[in-house]
Amino acid sequence: MSGTAGERHQRGPALGIARLLLVTATIVAIWMIVLPWLGSRPAISRHIETMEAAGVQPGAMFYTELERLPLRSEWIEQHLVLWP
């Protein structure tokens, strides 16, 4: 171990601030660069256009607005033996 406890204590807040800035910069980069890039990909942009054409705002979609899945698919009914 290098340094005394006092030196480590003085480095602590600076290290904490540096970590906070790094995490903040990472979040900003994801929000401002990665997400817009993903939104411009053909599959994602088609999905967004489809949702907007249906009157759904993709940025405000909740799980309760999605279609309900059947409790059991037909494949399960046809291929598995189910007990009553």
N, C-alpha and C. Protein backbone atom coordinates (compact mmCIF):
# COMPACT_ATOMS: atom_id res chain seq x y z
N MET A 1 0.84 -1.18 0.00
CA MET A 1 0.00 0.00 0.00
C MET A 1 0.88 1.23 0.00
N SER A 2 0.50 2.17 -0.80
CA SER A 2 1.29 3.38 -0.85
C SER A 2 0.51 4.52 -0.23
N GLY A 3 1.22 5.45 0.36
CA GLY A 3 0.59 6.63 0.94
C GLY A 3 -0.01 6.34 2.29
N THR A 4 -0.28 7.42 2.99
CA THR A 4 -0.87 7.31 4.31
C THR A 4 -2.39 7.38 4.19
N ALA A 5 -3.05 7.15 5.30
CA ALA A 5 -4.52 7.20 5.30
C ALA A 5 -5.00 8.59 4.93
N GLY A 6 -4.29 9.62 5.34
CA GLY A 6 -4.67 10.99 5.01
C GLY A 6 -4.59 11.26 3.51
N GLU A 7 -3.54 10.72 2.86
CA GLU A 7 -3.40 10.90 1.41
C GLU A 7 -4.52 10.18 0.66
N ARG A 8 -4.87 8.97 1.12
CA ARG A 8 -5.96 8.24 0.48
C ARG A 8 -7.28 8.96 0.68
N HIS A 9 -7.48 9.56 1.84
CA HIS A 9 -8.72 10.29 2.11
C HIS A 9 -8.84 11.50 1.20
N GLN A 10 -7.73 12.19 0.95
CA GLN A 10 -7.76 13.36 0.06
C GLN A 10 -8.02 12.96 -1.38
N ARG A 11 -7.53 11.79 -1.79
CA ARG A 11 -7.76 11.31 -3.14
C ARG A 11 -9.20 10.83 -3.32
N GLY A 12 -9.84 10.41 -2.27
CA GLY A 12 -11.18 9.84 -2.33
C GLY A 12 -12.21 10.73 -3.00
N PRO A 13 -12.39 11.97 -2.56
CA PRO A 13 -13.40 12.81 -3.21
C PRO A 13 -13.08 13.10 -4.68
N ALA A 14 -11.82 13.29 -5.01
CA ALA A 14 -11.45 13.54 -6.40
C ALA A 14 -11.75 12.31 -7.25
N LEU A 15 -11.46 11.13 -6.71
CA LEU A 15 -11.74 9.89 -7.43
C LEU A 15 -13.25 9.71 -7.59
N GLY A 16 -14.01 10.04 -6.55
CA GLY A 16 -15.46 9.94 -6.63
C GLY A 16 -16.04 10.88 -7.67
N ILE A 17 -15.51 12.10 -7.74
CA ILE A 17 -15.98 13.07 -8.74
C ILE A 17 -15.61 12.60 -10.14
N ALA A 18 -14.41 12.05 -10.29
CA ALA A 18 -13.99 11.53 -11.60
C ALA A 18 -14.90 10.39 -12.04
N ARG A 19 -15.24 9.51 -11.13
CA ARG A 19 -16.15 8.40 -11.46
C ARG A 19 -17.53 8.92 -11.83
N LEU A 20 -18.02 9.88 -11.10
CA LEU A 20 -19.32 10.48 -11.40
C LEU A 20 -19.32 11.10 -12.79
N LEU A 21 -18.26 11.85 -13.13
CA LEU A 21 -18.15 12.45 -14.45
C LEU A 21 -18.08 11.40 -15.55
N LEU A 22 -17.36 10.31 -15.29
CA LEU A 22 -17.24 9.24 -16.27
C LEU A 22 -18.59 8.57 -16.52
N VAL A 23 -19.32 8.29 -15.47
CA VAL A 23 -20.64 7.67 -15.61
C VAL A 23 -21.60 8.62 -16.32
N THR A 24 -21.56 9.90 -15.96
CA THR A 24 -22.42 10.89 -16.61
C THR A 24 -22.10 11.00 -18.10
N ALA A 25 -20.82 11.05 -18.44
CA ALA A 25 -20.41 11.13 -19.84
C ALA A 25 -20.85 9.89 -20.62
N THR A 26 -20.77 8.73 -19.98
CA THR A 26 -21.20 7.49 -20.63
C THR A 26 -22.69 7.52 -20.92
N ILE A 27 -23.49 7.95 -19.95
CA ILE A 27 -24.94 8.03 -20.13
C ILE A 27 -25.28 9.03 -21.23
N VAL A 28 -24.63 10.18 -21.23
CA VAL A 28 -24.87 11.19 -22.26
C VAL A 28 -24.50 10.65 -23.64
N ALA A 29 -23.38 9.94 -23.74
CA ALA A 29 -22.96 9.39 -25.03
C ALA A 29 -23.98 8.36 -25.53
N ILE A 30 -24.46 7.52 -24.64
CA ILE A 30 -25.47 6.53 -25.05
C ILE A 30 -26.73 7.24 -25.51
N TRP A 31 -27.17 8.23 -24.74
CA TRP A 31 -28.43 8.94 -25.02
C TRP A 31 -28.34 9.75 -26.32
N MET A 32 -27.20 10.41 -26.54
CA MET A 32 -27.08 11.34 -27.66
C MET A 32 -26.50 10.71 -28.93
N ILE A 33 -25.79 9.58 -28.80
CA ILE A 33 -25.13 8.99 -29.97
C ILE A 33 -25.69 7.60 -30.29
N VAL A 34 -25.65 6.71 -29.31
CA VAL A 34 -26.01 5.31 -29.57
C VAL A 34 -27.51 5.16 -29.86
N LEU A 35 -28.37 5.75 -29.03
CA LEU A 35 -29.81 5.58 -29.24
C LEU A 35 -30.29 6.20 -30.55
N PRO A 36 -29.87 7.42 -30.92
CA PRO A 36 -30.28 7.92 -32.24
C PRO A 36 -29.76 7.05 -33.40
N TRP A 37 -28.56 6.52 -33.25
CA TRP A 37 -28.03 5.63 -34.28
C TRP A 37 -28.89 4.38 -34.40
N LEU A 38 -29.27 3.79 -33.26
CA LEU A 38 -30.14 2.61 -33.30
C LEU A 38 -31.48 2.95 -33.94
N GLY A 39 -32.02 4.12 -33.63
CA GLY A 39 -33.29 4.53 -34.20
C GLY A 39 -33.24 4.71 -35.70
N SER A 40 -32.06 4.93 -36.25
CA SER A 40 -31.93 5.11 -37.70
C SER A 40 -31.73 3.78 -38.42
N ARG A 41 -31.55 2.69 -37.72
CA ARG A 41 -31.39 1.38 -38.34
C ARG A 41 -32.70 1.00 -39.03
N PRO A 42 -32.66 0.33 -40.17
CA PRO A 42 -33.88 0.05 -40.93
C PRO A 42 -34.97 -0.68 -40.15
N ALA A 43 -34.63 -1.71 -39.42
CA ALA A 43 -35.66 -2.48 -38.70
C ALA A 43 -36.32 -1.63 -37.62
N ILE A 44 -35.53 -0.89 -36.89
CA ILE A 44 -36.08 -0.05 -35.82
C ILE A 44 -36.91 1.09 -36.40
N SER A 45 -36.40 1.74 -37.46
CA SER A 45 -37.15 2.86 -38.03
C SER A 45 -38.46 2.38 -38.65
N ARG A 46 -38.48 1.18 -39.25
CA ARG A 46 -39.75 0.64 -39.76
C ARG A 46 -40.74 0.41 -38.63
N HIS A 47 -40.25 -0.12 -37.52
CA HIS A 47 -41.12 -0.37 -36.37
C HIS A 47 -41.69 0.96 -35.84
N ILE A 48 -40.86 1.96 -35.74
CA ILE A 48 -41.31 3.27 -35.26
C ILE A 48 -42.34 3.85 -36.21
N GLU A 49 -42.09 3.75 -37.51
CA GLU A 49 -43.06 4.27 -38.49
C GLU A 49 -44.39 3.53 -38.40
N THR A 50 -44.34 2.21 -38.23
CA THR A 50 -45.57 1.42 -38.09
C THR A 50 -46.35 1.84 -36.86
N MET A 51 -45.65 2.02 -35.76
CA MET A 51 -46.32 2.42 -34.52
C MET A 51 -46.92 3.82 -34.65
N GLU A 52 -46.20 4.75 -35.27
CA GLU A 52 -46.72 6.11 -35.44
C GLU A 52 -47.91 6.12 -36.39
N ALA A 53 -47.89 5.28 -37.44
CA ALA A 53 -49.01 5.19 -38.36
C ALA A 53 -50.26 4.66 -37.66
N ALA A 54 -50.06 3.82 -36.65
CA ALA A 54 -51.18 3.26 -35.88
C ALA A 54 -51.62 4.22 -34.77
N GLY A 55 -50.96 5.35 -34.64
CA GLY A 55 -51.33 6.33 -33.63
C GLY A 55 -50.72 6.07 -32.26
N VAL A 56 -49.71 5.19 -32.22
CA VAL A 56 -49.04 4.90 -30.96
C VAL A 56 -47.74 5.67 -30.94
N GLN A 57 -47.50 6.39 -29.86
CA GLN A 57 -46.24 7.11 -29.73
C GLN A 57 -45.23 6.15 -29.09
N PRO A 58 -44.22 5.69 -29.86
CA PRO A 58 -43.30 4.67 -29.34
C PRO A 58 -42.58 5.07 -28.06
N GLY A 59 -42.32 6.35 -27.90
CA GLY A 59 -41.60 6.80 -26.70
C GLY A 59 -42.45 6.74 -25.45
N ALA A 60 -43.76 6.61 -25.61
CA ALA A 60 -44.65 6.61 -24.45
C ALA A 60 -45.44 5.30 -24.34
N MET A 61 -44.93 4.24 -24.95
CA MET A 61 -45.65 2.98 -24.95
C MET A 61 -45.42 2.23 -23.63
N PHE A 62 -46.48 1.70 -23.10
CA PHE A 62 -46.41 0.91 -21.88
C PHE A 62 -46.78 -0.52 -22.21
N TYR A 63 -46.41 -1.44 -21.36
CA TYR A 63 -46.73 -2.84 -21.60
C TYR A 63 -48.24 -3.08 -21.62
N THR A 64 -49.00 -2.28 -20.94
CA THR A 64 -50.45 -2.45 -20.93
C THR A 64 -51.06 -2.10 -22.28
N GLU A 65 -50.33 -1.40 -23.15
CA GLU A 65 -50.84 -1.04 -24.46
C GLU A 65 -50.55 -2.10 -25.51
N LEU A 66 -49.79 -3.12 -25.16
CA LEU A 66 -49.46 -4.16 -26.11
C LEU A 66 -50.58 -5.19 -26.17
N GLU A 67 -50.66 -5.86 -27.33
CA GLU A 67 -51.68 -6.90 -27.46
C GLU A 67 -51.39 -8.02 -26.47
N ARG A 68 -52.46 -8.60 -25.95
CA ARG A 68 -52.29 -9.67 -24.98
C ARG A 68 -51.97 -10.97 -25.71
N LEU A 69 -51.00 -11.68 -25.20
CA LEU A 69 -50.65 -12.96 -25.77
C LEU A 69 -51.64 -14.01 -25.28
N PRO A 70 -51.91 -15.02 -26.11
CA PRO A 70 -52.81 -16.08 -25.65
C PRO A 70 -52.18 -16.82 -24.48
N LEU A 71 -53.04 -17.35 -23.62
CA LEU A 71 -52.52 -18.08 -22.48
C LEU A 71 -51.77 -19.33 -22.91
N ARG A 72 -52.31 -20.02 -23.89
CA ARG A 72 -51.63 -21.20 -24.45
C ARG A 72 -51.70 -21.11 -25.96
N SER A 73 -50.58 -21.26 -26.60
CA SER A 73 -50.59 -21.20 -28.06
C SER A 73 -51.18 -22.49 -28.63
N GLU A 74 -51.61 -22.42 -29.87
CA GLU A 74 -52.19 -23.59 -30.53
C GLU A 74 -51.16 -24.70 -30.63
N TRP A 75 -49.89 -24.34 -30.82
CA TRP A 75 -48.85 -25.36 -30.93
C TRP A 75 -48.80 -26.21 -29.67
N ILE A 76 -48.90 -25.60 -28.53
CA ILE A 76 -48.87 -26.33 -27.27
C ILE A 76 -50.09 -27.25 -27.19
N GLU A 77 -51.24 -26.72 -27.57
CA GLU A 77 -52.47 -27.52 -27.54
C GLU A 77 -52.35 -28.75 -28.44
N GLN A 78 -51.70 -28.62 -29.59
CA GLN A 78 -51.62 -29.71 -30.55
C GLN A 78 -50.51 -30.70 -30.25
N HIS A 79 -49.42 -30.29 -29.64
CA HIS A 79 -48.25 -31.14 -29.51
C HIS A 79 -47.99 -31.67 -28.10
N LEU A 80 -48.61 -31.12 -27.11
CA LEU A 80 -48.36 -31.57 -25.75
C LEU A 80 -49.63 -32.16 -25.16
N VAL A 81 -49.44 -33.15 -24.33
CA VAL A 81 -50.58 -33.72 -23.63
C VAL A 81 -50.78 -32.89 -22.36
N LEU A 82 -51.94 -32.28 -22.24
CA LEU A 82 -52.23 -31.44 -21.08
C LEU A 82 -53.26 -32.14 -20.20
N TRP A 83 -53.00 -32.13 -18.94
CA TRP A 83 -53.96 -32.71 -18.00
C TRP A 83 -54.98 -31.64 -17.63
N PRO A 84 -56.21 -32.09 -17.40
CA PRO A 84 -57.24 -31.11 -17.04
C PRO A 84 -56.99 -30.41 -15.73
